[in-house]
Each structure stands twice: as structure tokens, then as C-alpha cells.
Amino acid sequence: MHRDKSSVNIGKVVFRRKPMVRWFNPLQLLDTAVRVMVSFVFSTYADKRESFATTRKAPSYDYSGREELWLNYIADVGDGWNPT
């Protein structure tokens, strides 16, 4: 009895073998290279902070009536992850 190796039957489900993806196809490689270059160029100029600034207005607070103003902040001194 000859069995077709291109398909497998598991119960009521039939799985058919698909052709291999041609990763080294020159057209596929060219398309991938173009997409990488375009994303590299546009990602260099894309800053999410600029797009967030245009979508909503930041609240303003008036602290002119207070005698003292305390600010807490965290700064990165560039010493690596461990000091953080």
C-alpha cells in the first residue's frame, strides 16, 4: 500500500505539507533590506514624546502663593545598573 508523504491524517484533520520558505531568494532579501533601511531612517527621527505632546495638553499648576517649594527627582549618573 502506497502512502502519500505530503499529507498526514490525524483523526478528521488533514495536514498538508507546504513548500519551504525561500529565505535566500534574492527578491525576498532585497525586500527585507529595503524595509530595514526605511525603518532605520524613520525610527531615527521618530520621538514618541513629540507625538504625545501634540495629543494632550499638560496641566499647569500655580505655586506662587507658597513660601516653599520642594522638588524630588531621580537622575541617571551613568554608573550602570547596580547603583540604580
PDB file of N, CA and C in Angstrom:
ATOM      1  N   MET A   1       0.844  -1.176   0.000  1.00  0.00           N
ATOM      2  CA  MET A   1       0.000   0.000   0.000  1.00  0.00           C
ATOM      3  C   MET A   1       0.888   1.237   0.000  1.00  0.00           C
ATOM      4  N   HIS A   2       0.683   2.139  -0.953  1.00  0.00           N
ATOM      5  CA  HIS A   2       1.476   3.357  -1.095  1.00  0.00           C
ATOM      6  C   HIS A   2       0.860   4.468  -0.273  1.00  0.00           C
ATOM      7  N   ARG A   3       1.675   5.125   0.560  1.00  0.00           N
ATOM      8  CA  ARG A   3       1.168   6.203   1.405  1.00  0.00           C
ATOM      9  C   ARG A   3       1.753   7.521   0.929  1.00  0.00           C
ATOM     10  N   ASP A   4       0.908   8.530   0.796  1.00  0.00           N
ATOM     11  CA  ASP A   4       1.343   9.858   0.364  1.00  0.00           C
ATOM     12  C   ASP A   4       2.018  10.558   1.534  1.00  0.00           C
ATOM     13  N   LYS A   5       3.296  10.935   1.390  1.00  0.00           N
ATOM     14  CA  LYS A   5       4.044  11.569   2.478  1.00  0.00           C
ATOM     15  C   LYS A   5       3.804  13.070   2.550  1.00  0.00           C
ATOM     16  N   SER A   6       3.070  13.627   1.591  1.00  0.00           N
ATOM     17  CA  SER A   6       2.832  15.069   1.605  1.00  0.00           C
ATOM     18  C   SER A   6       1.654  15.452   2.488  1.00  0.00           C
ATOM     19  N   SER A   7       0.875  14.494   2.959  1.00  0.00           N
ATOM     20  CA  SER A   7      -0.234  14.816   3.850  1.00  0.00           C
ATOM     21  C   SER A   7      -0.287  13.800   4.986  1.00  0.00           C
ATOM     22  N   VAL A   8      -0.761  14.264   6.122  1.00  0.00           N
ATOM     23  CA  VAL A   8      -0.874  13.417   7.309  1.00  0.00           C
ATOM     24  C   VAL A   8      -2.297  13.536   7.826  1.00  0.00           C
ATOM     25  N   ASN A   9      -2.909  12.434   8.120  1.00  0.00           N
ATOM     26  CA  ASN A   9      -4.263  12.420   8.667  1.00  0.00           C
ATOM     27  C   ASN A   9      -4.205  12.160  10.166  1.00  0.00           C
ATOM     28  N   ILE A  10      -4.770  13.060  10.943  1.00  0.00           N
ATOM     29  CA  ILE A  10      -4.897  12.868  12.384  1.00  0.00           C
ATOM     30  C   ILE A  10      -6.374  13.024  12.708  1.00  0.00           C
ATOM     31  N   GLY A  11      -7.023  11.902  12.861  1.00  0.00           N
ATOM     32  CA  GLY A  11      -8.465  11.945  13.101  1.00  0.00           C
ATOM     33  C   GLY A  11      -9.167  12.511  11.878  1.00  0.00           C
ATOM     34  N   LYS A  12      -9.904  13.589  12.072  1.00  0.00           N
ATOM     35  CA  LYS A  12     -10.626  14.219  10.966  1.00  0.00           C
ATOM     36  C   LYS A  12      -9.846  15.362  10.340  1.00  0.00           C
ATOM     37  N   VAL A  13      -8.672  15.679  10.893  1.00  0.00           N
ATOM     38  CA  VAL A  13      -7.881  16.804  10.411  1.00  0.00           C
ATOM     39  C   VAL A  13      -6.809  16.291   9.455  1.00  0.00           C
ATOM     40  N   VAL A  14      -6.673  16.961   8.327  1.00  0.00           N
ATOM     41  CA  VAL A  14      -5.656  16.592   7.346  1.00  0.00           C
ATOM     42  C   VAL A  14      -4.647  17.727   7.262  1.00  0.00           C
ATOM     43  N   PHE A  15      -3.383  17.412   7.507  1.00  0.00           N
ATOM     44  CA  PHE A  15      -2.309  18.385   7.405  1.00  0.00           C
ATOM     45  C   PHE A  15      -1.572  18.151   6.102  1.00  0.00           C
ATOM     46  N   ARG A  16      -1.489  19.196   5.278  1.00  0.00           N
ATOM     47  CA  ARG A  16      -0.774  19.092   4.009  1.00  0.00           C
ATOM     48  C   ARG A  16       0.540  19.847   4.110  1.00  0.00           C
ATOM     49  N   ARG A  17       1.579  19.230   3.621  1.00  0.00           N
ATOM     50  CA  ARG A  17       2.902  19.834   3.659  1.00  0.00           C
ATOM     51  C   ARG A  17       2.951  21.035   2.707  1.00  0.00           C
ATOM     52  N   LYS A  18       3.457  22.132   3.193  1.00  0.00           N
ATOM     53  CA  LYS A  18       3.596  23.353   2.400  1.00  0.00           C
ATOM     54  C   LYS A  18       5.020  23.437   1.871  1.00  0.00           C
ATOM     55  N   PRO A  19       5.232  24.184   0.792  1.00  0.00           N
ATOM     56  CA  PRO A  19       6.594  24.340   0.290  1.00  0.00           C
ATOM     57  C   PRO A  19       7.441  25.150   1.264  1.00  0.00           C
ATOM     58  N   MET A  20       8.734  24.936   1.220  1.00  0.00           N
ATOM     59  CA  MET A  20       9.654  25.636   2.107  1.00  0.00           C
ATOM     60  C   MET A  20       9.685  27.125   1.767  1.00  0.00           C
ATOM     61  N   VAL A  21       9.932  27.938   2.783  1.00  0.00           N
ATOM     62  CA  VAL A  21      10.078  29.372   2.576  1.00  0.00           C
ATOM     63  C   VAL A  21      11.450  29.620   1.973  1.00  0.00           C
ATOM     64  N   ARG A  22      11.511  30.436   0.977  1.00  0.00           N
ATOM     65  CA  ARG A  22      12.773  30.689   0.294  1.00  0.00           C
ATOM     66  C   ARG A  22      13.434  31.924   0.896  1.00  0.00           C
ATOM     67  N   TRP A  23      14.124  31.726   2.043  1.00  0.00           N
ATOM     68  CA  TRP A  23      14.743  32.830   2.758  1.00  0.00           C
ATOM     69  C   TRP A  23      15.854  33.481   1.953  1.00  0.00           C
ATOM     70  N   PHE A  24      16.550  32.710   1.144  1.00  0.00           N
ATOM     71  CA  PHE A  24      17.672  33.247   0.396  1.00  0.00           C
ATOM     72  C   PHE A  24      17.287  33.633  -1.023  1.00  0.00           C
ATOM     73  N   ASN A  25      16.007  33.784  -1.279  1.00  0.00           N
ATOM     74  CA  ASN A  25      15.537  34.276  -2.561  1.00  0.00           C
ATOM     75  C   ASN A  25      15.999  35.727  -2.693  1.00  0.00           C
ATOM     76  N   PRO A  26      16.676  36.093  -3.789  1.00  0.00           N
ATOM     77  CA  PRO A  26      17.193  37.464  -3.917  1.00  0.00           C
ATOM     78  C   PRO A  26      16.111  38.537  -3.792  1.00  0.00           C
ATOM     79  N   LEU A  27      14.930  38.291  -4.317  1.00  0.00           N
ATOM     80  CA  LEU A  27      13.859  39.286  -4.195  1.00  0.00           C
ATOM     81  C   LEU A  27      13.405  39.430  -2.744  1.00  0.00           C
ATOM     82  N   GLN A  28      13.348  38.308  -2.025  1.00  0.00           N
ATOM     83  CA  GLN A  28      12.970  38.372  -0.604  1.00  0.00           C
ATOM     84  C   GLN A  28      14.030  39.123   0.197  1.00  0.00           C
ATOM     85  N   LEU A  29      15.294  38.863  -0.080  1.00  0.00           N
ATOM     86  CA  LEU A  29      16.372  39.557   0.626  1.00  0.00           C
ATOM     87  C   LEU A  29      16.375  41.046   0.314  1.00  0.00           C
ATOM     88  N   LEU A  30      16.121  41.410  -0.936  1.00  0.00           N
ATOM     89  CA  LEU A  30      16.067  42.817  -1.322  1.00  0.00           C
ATOM     90  C   LEU A  30      14.896  43.516  -0.626  1.00  0.00           C
ATOM     91  N   ASP A  31      13.744  42.865  -0.596  1.00  0.00           N
ATOM     92  CA  ASP A  31      12.575  43.438   0.071  1.00  0.00           C
ATOM     93  C   ASP A  31      12.851  43.647   1.564  1.00  0.00           C
ATOM     94  N   THR A  32      13.469  42.671   2.193  1.00  0.00           N
ATOM     95  CA  THR A  32      13.797  42.793   3.614  1.00  0.00           C
ATOM     96  C   THR A  32      14.796  43.913   3.855  1.00  0.00           C
ATOM     97  N   ALA A  33      15.803  44.034   2.989  1.00  0.00           N
ATOM     98  CA  ALA A  33      16.806  45.094   3.137  1.00  0.00           C
ATOM     99  C   ALA A  33      16.173  46.475   2.998  1.00  0.00           C
ATOM    100  N   VAL A  34      15.263  46.636   2.059  1.00  0.00           N
ATOM    101  CA  VAL A  34      14.598  47.927   1.874  1.00  0.00           C
ATOM    102  C   VAL A  34      13.758  48.265   3.103  1.00  0.00           C
ATOM    103  N   ARG A  35      13.039  47.285   3.627  1.00  0.00           N
ATOM    104  CA  ARG A  35      12.213  47.530   4.816  1.00  0.00           C
ATOM    105  C   ARG A  35      13.068  47.903   6.026  1.00  0.00           C
ATOM    106  N   VAL A  36      14.207  47.256   6.186  1.00  0.00           N
ATOM    107  CA  VAL A  36      15.099  47.568   7.301  1.00  0.00           C
ATOM    108  C   VAL A  36      15.633  48.990   7.169  1.00  0.00           C
ATOM    109  N   MET A  37      16.041  49.383   5.968  1.00  0.00           N
ATOM    110  CA  MET A  37      16.579  50.728   5.765  1.00  0.00           C
ATOM    111  C   MET A  37      15.506  51.796   6.005  1.00  0.00           C
ATOM    112  N   VAL A  38      14.306  51.571   5.519  1.00  0.00           N
ATOM    113  CA  VAL A  38      13.225  52.543   5.720  1.00  0.00           C
ATOM    114  C   VAL A  38      12.896  52.671   7.204  1.00  0.00           C
ATOM    115  N   SER A  39      12.813  51.547   7.905  1.00  0.00           N
ATOM    116  CA  SER A  39      12.507  51.626   9.335  1.00  0.00           C
ATOM    117  C   SER A  39      13.648  52.278  10.104  1.00  0.00           C
ATOM    118  N   PHE A  40      14.892  52.059   9.669  1.00  0.00           N
ATOM    119  CA  PHE A  40      16.029  52.684  10.338  1.00  0.00           C
ATOM    120  C   PHE A  40      15.991  54.202  10.168  1.00  0.00           C
ATOM    121  N   VAL A  41      15.704  54.667   8.961  1.00  0.00           N
ATOM    122  CA  VAL A  41      15.673  56.112   8.696  1.00  0.00           C
ATOM    123  C   VAL A  41      14.549  56.778   9.476  1.00  0.00           C
ATOM    124  N   PHE A  42      13.351  56.198   9.437  1.00  0.00           N
ATOM    125  CA  PHE A  42      12.226  56.843  10.104  1.00  0.00           C
ATOM    126  C   PHE A  42      12.280  56.696  11.611  1.00  0.00           C
ATOM    127  N   SER A  43      12.860  55.618  12.114  1.00  0.00           N
ATOM    128  CA  SER A  43      12.932  55.467  13.563  1.00  0.00           C
ATOM    129  C   SER A  43      13.941  56.431  14.175  1.00  0.00           C
ATOM    130  N   THR A  44      14.899  56.892  13.376  1.00  0.00           N
ATOM    131  CA  THR A  44      15.868  57.861  13.871  1.00  0.00           C
ATOM    132  C   THR A  44      15.180  59.181  14.212  1.00  0.00           C
ATOM    133  N   TYR A  45      14.194  59.555  13.427  1.00  0.00           N
ATOM    134  CA  TYR A  45      13.517  60.845  13.610  1.00  0.00           C
ATOM    135  C   TYR A  45      12.208  60.730  14.380  1.00  0.00           C
ATOM    136  N   ALA A  46      11.823  59.526  14.742  1.00  0.00           N
ATOM    137  CA  ALA A  46      10.561  59.346  15.459  1.00  0.00           C
ATOM    138  C   ALA A  46      10.813  59.416  16.957  1.00  0.00           C
ATOM    139  N   ASP A  47      10.214  60.384  17.588  1.00  0.00           N
ATOM    140  CA  ASP A  47      10.329  60.527  19.031  1.00  0.00           C
ATOM    141  C   ASP A  47       8.918  60.509  19.599  1.00  0.00           C
ATOM    142  N   LYS A  48       8.604  59.549  20.422  1.00  0.00           N
ATOM    143  CA  LYS A  48       7.249  59.410  20.945  1.00  0.00           C
ATOM    144  C   LYS A  48       6.845  60.599  21.805  1.00  0.00           C
ATOM    145  N   ARG A  49       7.809  61.241  22.424  1.00  0.00           N
ATOM    146  CA  ARG A  49       7.465  62.394  23.268  1.00  0.00           C
ATOM    147  C   ARG A  49       6.859  63.521  22.443  1.00  0.00           C
ATOM    148  N   GLU A  50       7.340  63.692  21.209  1.00  0.00           N
ATOM    149  CA  GLU A  50       6.780  64.750  20.364  1.00  0.00           C
ATOM    150  C   GLU A  50       5.342  64.434  19.978  1.00  0.00           C
ATOM    151  N   SER A  51       5.060  63.178  19.687  1.00  0.00           N
ATOM    152  CA  SER A  51       3.681  62.831  19.327  1.00  0.00           C
ATOM    153  C   SER A  51       2.762  62.914  20.537  1.00  0.00           C
ATOM    154  N   PHE A  52       3.246  62.573  21.724  1.00  0.00           N
ATOM    155  CA  PHE A  52       2.425  62.705  22.923  1.00  0.00           C
ATOM    156  C   PHE A  52       2.156  64.170  23.243  1.00  0.00           C
ATOM    157  N   ALA A  53       3.102  65.031  22.974  1.00  0.00           N
ATOM    158  CA  ALA A  53       2.937  66.452  23.284  1.00  0.00           C
ATOM    159  C   ALA A  53       1.823  67.076  22.456  1.00  0.00           C
ATOM    160  N   THR A  54       1.602  66.578  21.275  1.00  0.00           N
ATOM    161  CA  THR A  54       0.561  67.151  20.425  1.00  0.00           C
ATOM    162  C   THR A  54      -0.819  66.580  20.720  1.00  0.00           C
ATOM    163  N   THR A  55      -0.892  65.447  21.406  1.00  0.00           N
ATOM    164  CA  THR A  55      -2.193  64.819  21.612  1.00  0.00           C
ATOM    165  C   THR A  55      -2.928  65.311  22.845  1.00  0.00           C
ATOM    166  N   ARG A  56      -2.209  65.787  23.828  1.00  0.00           N
ATOM    167  CA  ARG A  56      -2.903  66.247  25.029  1.00  0.00           C
ATOM    168  C   ARG A  56      -2.175  67.439  25.632  1.00  0.00           C
ATOM    169  N   LYS A  57      -2.935  68.245  26.331  1.00  0.00           N
ATOM    170  CA  LYS A  57      -2.358  69.430  26.949  1.00  0.00           C
ATOM    171  C   LYS A  57      -1.933  69.104  28.377  1.00  0.00           C
ATOM    172  N   ALA A  58      -0.735  69.516  28.716  1.00  0.00           N
ATOM    173  CA  ALA A  58      -0.221  69.273  30.069  1.00  0.00           C
ATOM    174  C   ALA A  58      -0.894  70.220  31.052  1.00  0.00           C
ATOM    175  N   PRO A  59      -1.227  69.721  32.238  1.00  0.00           N
ATOM    176  CA  PRO A  59      -1.860  70.602  33.238  1.00  0.00           C
ATOM    177  C   PRO A  59      -0.848  71.603  33.779  1.00  0.00           C
ATOM    178  N   SER A  60      -1.328  72.763  34.116  1.00  0.00           N
ATOM    179  CA  SER A  60      -0.452  73.783  34.712  1.00  0.00           C
ATOM    180  C   SER A  60      -0.896  74.023  36.156  1.00  0.00           C
ATOM    181  N   TYR A  61       0.086  74.236  37.015  1.00  0.00           N
ATOM    182  CA  TYR A  61      -0.177  74.452  38.430  1.00  0.00           C
ATOM    183  C   TYR A  61       0.444  75.776  38.856  1.00  0.00           C
ATOM    184  N   ASP A  62      -0.240  76.475  39.733  1.00  0.00           N
ATOM    185  CA  ASP A  62       0.257  77.759  40.227  1.00  0.00           C
ATOM    186  C   ASP A  62       0.674  77.602  41.688  1.00  0.00           C
ATOM    187  N   TYR A  63       1.978  77.701  41.928  1.00  0.00           N
ATOM    188  CA  TYR A  63       2.517  77.584  43.277  1.00  0.00           C
ATOM    189  C   TYR A  63       3.070  78.921  43.762  1.00  0.00           C
ATOM    190  N   SER A  64       2.649  80.006  43.177  1.00  0.00           N
ATOM    191  CA  SER A  64       3.204  81.312  43.531  1.00  0.00           C
ATOM    192  C   SER A  64       2.801  81.758  44.945  1.00  0.00           C
ATOM    193  N   GLY A  65       1.743  81.232  45.493  1.00  0.00           N
ATOM    194  CA  GLY A  65       1.290  81.642  46.813  1.00  0.00           C
ATOM    195  C   GLY A  65       1.991  80.918  47.955  1.00  0.00           C
ATOM    196  N   ARG A  66       2.842  79.973  47.665  1.00  0.00           N
ATOM    197  CA  ARG A  66       3.522  79.215  48.720  1.00  0.00           C
ATOM    198  C   ARG A  66       4.861  79.838  49.066  1.00  0.00           C
ATOM    199  N   GLU A  67       5.274  79.639  50.319  1.00  0.00           N
ATOM    200  CA  GLU A  67       6.572  80.143  50.744  1.00  0.00           C
ATOM    201  C   GLU A  67       7.697  79.214  50.323  1.00  0.00           C
ATOM    202  N   GLU A  68       7.447  77.896  50.339  1.00  0.00           N
ATOM    203  CA  GLU A  68       8.472  76.920  49.989  1.00  0.00           C
ATOM    204  C   GLU A  68       7.961  76.009  48.876  1.00  0.00           C
ATOM    205  N   LEU A  69       8.905  75.520  48.120  1.00  0.00           N
ATOM    206  CA  LEU A  69       8.585  74.559  47.070  1.00  0.00           C
ATOM    207  C   LEU A  69       9.644  73.470  47.094  1.00  0.00           C
ATOM    208  N   TRP A  70       9.221  72.249  47.344  1.00  0.00           N
ATOM    209  CA  TRP A  70      10.149  71.120  47.412  1.00  0.00           C
ATOM    210  C   TRP A  70       9.975  70.264  46.154  1.00  0.00           C
ATOM    211  N   LEU A  71      11.078  69.898  45.542  1.00  0.00           N
ATOM    212  CA  LEU A  71      11.068  69.042  44.356  1.00  0.00           C
ATOM    213  C   LEU A  71      11.921  67.807  44.616  1.00  0.00           C
ATOM    214  N   ASN A  72      11.402  66.666  44.298  1.00  0.00           N
ATOM    215  CA  ASN A  72      12.165  65.423  44.353  1.00  0.00           C
ATOM    216  C   ASN A  72      12.362  64.948  42.916  1.00  0.00           C
ATOM    217  N   TYR A  73      13.559  64.475  42.629  1.00  0.00           N
ATOM    218  CA  TYR A  73      13.811  63.968  41.291  1.00  0.00           C
ATOM    219  C   TYR A  73      14.840  62.845  41.346  1.00  0.00           C
ATOM    220  N   ILE A  74      14.842  62.055  40.318  1.00  0.00           N
ATOM    221  CA  ILE A  74      15.805  60.965  40.178  1.00  0.00           C
ATOM    222  C   ILE A  74      16.624  61.259  38.934  1.00  0.00           C
ATOM    223  N   ALA A  75      17.928  61.119  39.030  1.00  0.00           N
ATOM    224  CA  ALA A  75      18.803  61.372  37.894  1.00  0.00           C
ATOM    225  C   ALA A  75      19.671  60.149  37.626  1.00  0.00           C
ATOM    226  N   ASP A  76      19.955  59.923  36.389  1.00  0.00           N
ATOM    227  CA  ASP A  76      20.843  58.836  35.992  1.00  0.00           C
ATOM    228  C   ASP A  76      22.252  59.389  35.886  1.00  0.00           C
ATOM    229  N   VAL A  77      23.138  58.886  36.742  1.00  0.00           N
ATOM    230  CA  VAL A  77      24.513  59.375  36.721  1.00  0.00           C
ATOM    231  C   VAL A  77      25.398  58.556  35.787  1.00  0.00           C
ATOM    232  N   GLY A  78      24.842  57.525  35.184  1.00  0.00           N
ATOM    233  CA  GLY A  78      25.585  56.748  34.199  1.00  0.00           C
ATOM    234  C   GLY A  78      26.556  55.750  34.778  1.00  0.00           C
ATOM    235  N   ASP A  79      26.339  55.313  36.020  1.00  0.00           N
ATOM    236  CA  ASP A  79      27.250  54.370  36.661  1.00  0.00           C
ATOM    237  C   ASP A  79      26.889  52.921  36.404  1.00  0.00           C
ATOM    238  N   GLY A  80      25.902  52.669  35.621  1.00  0.00           N
ATOM    239  CA  GLY A  80      25.487  51.280  35.370  1.00  0.00           C
ATOM    240  C   GLY A  80      24.223  50.937  36.125  1.00  0.00           C
ATOM    241  N   TRP A  81      23.832  49.673  36.026  1.00  0.00           N
ATOM    242  CA  TRP A  81      22.568  49.257  36.604  1.00  0.00           C
ATOM    243  C   TRP A  81      22.640  49.062  38.110  1.00  0.00           C
ATOM    244  N   ASN A  82      23.759  48.553  38.637  1.00  0.00           N
ATOM    245  CA  ASN A  82      23.858  48.238  40.054  1.00  0.00           C
ATOM    246  C   ASN A  82      23.593  49.423  40.982  1.00  0.00           C
ATOM    247  N   PRO A  83      24.151  50.613  40.737  1.00  0.00           N
ATOM    248  CA  PRO A  83      23.845  51.738  41.623  1.00  0.00           C
ATOM    249  C   PRO A  83      22.393  52.165  41.568  1.00  0.00           C
ATOM    250  N   THR A  84      21.723  51.869  40.471  1.00  0.00           N
ATOM    251  CA  THR A  84      20.355  52.270  40.344  1.00  0.00           C
ATOM    252  C   THR A  84      19.489  51.477  41.289  1.00  0.00           C
TER     253      THR A  84
END
